[in-house]
Protein backbone atom coordinates (compact mmCIF):
# COMPACT_ATOMS: atom_id res chain seq x y z
CA MET A 1 -11.97 6.18 -23.91
CA SER A 2 -11.99 9.98 -23.23
CA VAL A 3 -9.53 11.78 -20.73
CA ILE A 4 -12.56 11.84 -18.61
CA THR A 5 -13.69 8.44 -18.79
CA LEU A 6 -9.50 7.28 -18.18
CA PHE A 7 -9.69 9.76 -15.06
CA PHE A 8 -12.77 7.76 -13.39
CA TRP A 9 -10.87 4.35 -14.06
CA GLY A 10 -8.11 5.20 -12.67
CA LEU A 11 -9.82 6.88 -9.45
CA ALA A 12 -11.93 3.47 -9.21
CA LEU A 13 -8.70 1.08 -9.63
CA GLY A 14 -6.92 3.38 -7.19
CA MET A 15 -9.55 2.62 -4.50
CA VAL A 16 -9.60 -0.94 -5.50
CA SER A 17 -5.82 -1.09 -5.14
CA SER A 18 -6.02 0.32 -1.69
CA LEU A 19 -9.31 -1.26 -0.29
CA PRO A 20 -7.21 -4.78 1.11
CA LEU A 21 -7.18 -5.14 5.00
CA GLY A 22 -3.21 -6.14 4.47
CA PRO A 23 -0.28 -4.90 6.25
CA ILE A 24 -0.71 -1.14 4.89
CA ASN A 25 -4.22 -0.54 5.79
CA LEU A 26 -3.26 -1.94 9.19
CA ASN A 27 -0.05 -0.11 9.60
CA VAL A 28 -2.38 2.87 9.38
CA LEU A 29 -4.63 2.17 11.44
CA ARG A 30 -1.64 1.49 14.16
CA LEU A 31 -0.18 4.85 13.59
CA LEU A 32 -3.62 6.76 13.71
CA GLN A 33 -4.86 4.71 17.06
CA SER A 34 -1.72 5.61 18.91
CA GLY A 35 -2.44 9.02 18.30
CA ARG A 36 0.68 9.94 15.49
CA ARG A 37 -1.34 11.57 12.65
CA THR A 38 1.53 13.33 11.14
CA SER A 39 3.35 9.67 10.57
CA ALA A 40 0.29 7.99 9.38
CA GLY A 41 0.01 10.93 6.95
CA ALA A 42 4.06 10.93 5.72
CA PHE A 43 3.62 6.72 5.60
CA VAL A 44 0.65 7.50 3.42
CA ALA A 45 1.88 9.79 1.18
CA GLY A 46 4.84 7.33 0.62
CA VAL A 47 2.77 4.64 -0.21
CA VAL A 48 0.66 6.93 -2.96
CA LEU A 49 3.76 7.66 -4.23
CA ALA A 50 4.95 4.09 -4.85
CA ASP A 51 1.49 3.01 -5.94
CA VAL A 52 1.21 5.72 -8.80
CA GLY A 53 4.21 5.00 -9.58
CA VAL A 54 3.70 1.35 -10.41
CA ALA A 55 0.60 2.00 -12.27
CA ALA A 56 2.99 4.33 -14.47
CA LEU A 57 5.14 1.72 -14.89
CA ALA A 58 2.64 -0.72 -15.79
CA LEU A 59 0.79 1.56 -18.22
CA LEU A 60 4.31 2.86 -19.80
CA GLY A 61 4.99 -1.19 -20.49
CA LEU A 62 8.09 -1.36 -18.81
CA VAL A 63 6.35 -4.15 -16.15
CA SER A 64 5.29 -6.98 -18.62
CA ALA A 65 2.67 -9.45 -17.55
CA ASN A 66 5.36 -12.03 -17.83
CA VAL A 67 7.13 -10.38 -14.89
CA PRO A 68 10.20 -12.68 -14.23
CA PRO A 69 9.66 -15.25 -11.14
CA GLU A 70 12.84 -14.63 -10.32
CA ILE A 71 12.08 -10.98 -10.09
CA LEU A 72 8.67 -11.53 -7.73
CA ARG A 73 10.34 -13.89 -5.64
CA VAL A 74 13.11 -11.43 -4.62
CA ILE A 75 10.62 -8.71 -4.02
CA SER A 76 8.25 -11.32 -1.58
CA ALA A 77 11.31 -12.24 0.21
CA VAL A 78 12.65 -8.65 0.84
CA GLY A 79 9.07 -7.25 1.63
CA GLY A 80 8.55 -10.44 3.91
CA ALA A 81 11.61 -9.50 5.86
CA ALA A 82 10.40 -6.06 6.35
CA PHE A 83 7.04 -7.04 7.25
CA VAL A 84 8.00 -9.23 9.56
CA PHE A 85 10.52 -6.60 11.23
CA PHE A 86 7.53 -4.40 11.37
CA GLY A 87 4.88 -6.84 12.92
CA LEU A 88 7.87 -7.67 15.71
CA TRP A 89 8.12 -3.98 16.01
CA GLY A 90 4.44 -3.32 16.73
CA LEU A 91 3.90 -6.51 18.78
CA LEU A 92 7.34 -5.75 21.05
CA ARG A 93 6.95 -2.05 21.18
CA PRO A 94 3.30 -1.41 21.27
CA ALA A 95 2.27 2.33 21.26
CA SER A 96 0.84 4.50 23.97
CA VAL A 97 -1.41 7.40 23.46
CA ASN A 98 0.12 10.88 22.06
CA ALA A 99 3.50 8.50 21.45
CA ALA A 100 6.47 10.45 20.06
CA GLN A 101 5.73 11.09 15.97
CA GLN A 102 8.06 8.96 14.07
CA SER A 103 10.56 11.07 11.99
CA GLY A 104 8.18 12.29 8.68
CA ALA A 105 11.38 11.24 6.35
CA VAL A 106 10.82 7.53 8.31
CA SER A 107 7.57 6.98 7.83
CA PHE A 108 7.63 8.21 4.29
CA VAL A 109 10.38 6.03 3.11
CA SER A 110 8.29 3.07 5.20
CA GLY A 111 5.24 3.68 2.93
CA VAL A 112 7.15 3.69 -0.66
CA LEU A 113 8.74 0.10 1.14
CA PHE A 114 5.21 -1.50 2.43
CA CYS A 115 4.09 -0.50 -1.22
CA GLY A 116 6.72 -1.09 -3.88
CA LEU A 117 8.24 -3.93 -1.94
CA ASN A 118 4.63 -6.07 -2.66
CA PRO A 119 4.57 -7.71 -5.59
CA GLY A 120 0.92 -7.64 -5.41
CA PHE A 121 1.17 -3.92 -6.27
CA TYR A 122 2.77 -4.96 -9.71
CA LEU A 123 0.33 -8.18 -10.33
CA PHE A 124 -2.55 -6.03 -10.00
CA TRP A 125 -1.58 -2.92 -11.91
CA VAL A 126 -0.48 -5.13 -14.83
CA TYR A 127 -3.97 -6.83 -14.99
CA ALA A 128 -5.47 -3.17 -14.47
CA ALA A 129 -3.36 -1.01 -16.57
CA THR A 130 -4.89 -3.31 -19.30
CA PHE A 131 -8.20 -1.74 -19.32
CA ALA A 132 -6.66 1.55 -20.02
CA ALA A 133 -3.52 0.90 -22.09
CA ALA A 134 -4.93 0.81 -25.31
CA SER A 135 -6.66 3.84 -24.83
CA VAL A 136 -3.86 6.14 -23.29
CA VAL A 137 -2.48 7.62 -26.66
CA SER A 138 -1.01 10.49 -25.52
CA THR A 139 0.42 12.49 -22.30
CA LEU A 140 -2.90 13.94 -21.64
CA THR A 141 -4.70 10.65 -21.59
CA GLY A 142 -1.99 8.88 -19.45
CA ALA A 143 -1.85 11.89 -16.92
CA ALA A 144 -5.64 11.76 -16.62
CA PHE A 145 -5.51 8.21 -15.37
CA LEU A 146 -2.78 8.30 -13.36
CA ALA A 147 -4.42 11.37 -11.73
CA GLY A 148 -7.40 9.12 -11.26
CA VAL A 149 -5.45 6.45 -9.51
CA LEU A 150 -3.94 9.17 -7.41
CA ILE A 151 -7.03 10.57 -6.33
CA GLY A 152 -8.93 7.33 -5.74
CA ASP A 153 -5.54 6.36 -3.25
CA LEU A 154 -6.60 9.40 -1.44
CA CYS A 155 -10.25 8.79 -1.42
CA TRP A 156 -9.31 5.68 0.32
CA PHE A 157 -7.07 6.75 2.85
CA THR A 158 -9.35 9.41 3.79
CA LEU A 159 -12.07 7.43 3.96
CA PHE A 160 -10.20 4.75 6.07
CA THR A 161 -9.25 7.34 8.27
CA LYS A 162 -12.71 8.36 8.89
CA LEU A 163 -13.61 4.54 9.71
CA VAL A 164 -10.48 4.39 12.20
CA GLY A 165 -11.88 7.58 14.01
CA LEU A 166 -15.11 5.56 14.73
CA PHE A 167 -13.35 3.28 16.59
CA HIS A 168 -10.86 5.26 18.40
CA GLY A 169 -11.14 4.67 22.23
CA ARG A 170 -12.75 1.14 21.70
CA LEU A 171 -9.47 -0.80 22.50
CA SER A 172 -6.51 1.06 24.18
CA PRO A 173 -3.53 1.80 21.50
CA ARG A 174 -1.28 -0.84 23.06
CA THR A 175 -4.00 -3.06 22.07
CA TRP A 176 -4.63 -1.86 18.46
CA SER A 177 -0.69 -1.86 17.94
CA SER A 178 -0.46 -5.45 18.92
CA LEU A 179 -2.94 -6.47 17.17
CA ALA A 180 -1.85 -4.75 13.90
CA GLY A 181 1.76 -5.94 14.89
CA GLY A 182 0.54 -9.82 15.03
CA LEU A 183 -1.38 -9.16 11.57
CA ILE A 184 1.54 -7.38 9.61
CA LEU A 185 4.29 -10.44 11.06
CA ALA A 186 1.41 -13.00 9.60
CA PHE A 187 1.47 -11.02 6.47
CA GLY A 188 5.37 -11.16 6.29
CA LEU A 189 5.32 -14.83 7.41
CA PHE A 190 3.05 -15.82 4.20
CA ALA A 191 5.08 -13.27 1.81
CA LEU A 192 8.28 -15.14 3.05
CA TRP A 193 7.00 -18.34 2.54
CA GLY A 194 5.09 -17.52 -0.96
CA ALA A 195 8.71 -16.63 -1.76
CA TYR A 196 10.08 -20.03 -1.11
CA HIS A 197 7.01 -21.48 -2.80
CA GLY A 198 6.74 -19.27 -5.52
CA HIS A 199 3.48 -17.79 -5.08
CA PHE A 200 3.60 -13.87 -4.66
CA GLN A 201 -0.10 -12.69 -4.94
CA TYR A 202 -0.53 -11.07 -1.73
CA ALA A 203 -1.38 -7.40 -0.96
């Protein structure tokens, strides 16, 4: 593949990795609907950094197709516990309009954890990187692929932010926060169930 082709492969895969309506997009929705755009931006930055990082590890072969089940189980358990915490936070402390901005650093770290503690991203990129690994023969081609992933992630979250804006005002921020919190809680419980039973593919 050419550098340009690898870039567009990365762009497409970056968008696909961000598409599922899982805990990440739900938390972005919750933050945006409560007027905390700065917190949402910092959260997305953390997510994108972690996503590109996992893609890079997969591309370099540091994450093999045979990820040890014990490692995925630990990631799933810790991630599930984190999602349960954030879900309960959204349910018990639903946001109001123009709620105080969460610390940028806290939001950023939350984004890294939401992505980095989700084994679904590791499994996705192990599979997705196989499309590009054979063609990545230099630093330039690898950088082109990862740049595409970065742009793909940013394109999706920009589009998602616009879509959220279309629904702004349809429901109160407290309702959005409660709905998102409840769904994030459900994802967390499912992740804990997956860790217990050995099923790890969630996003």
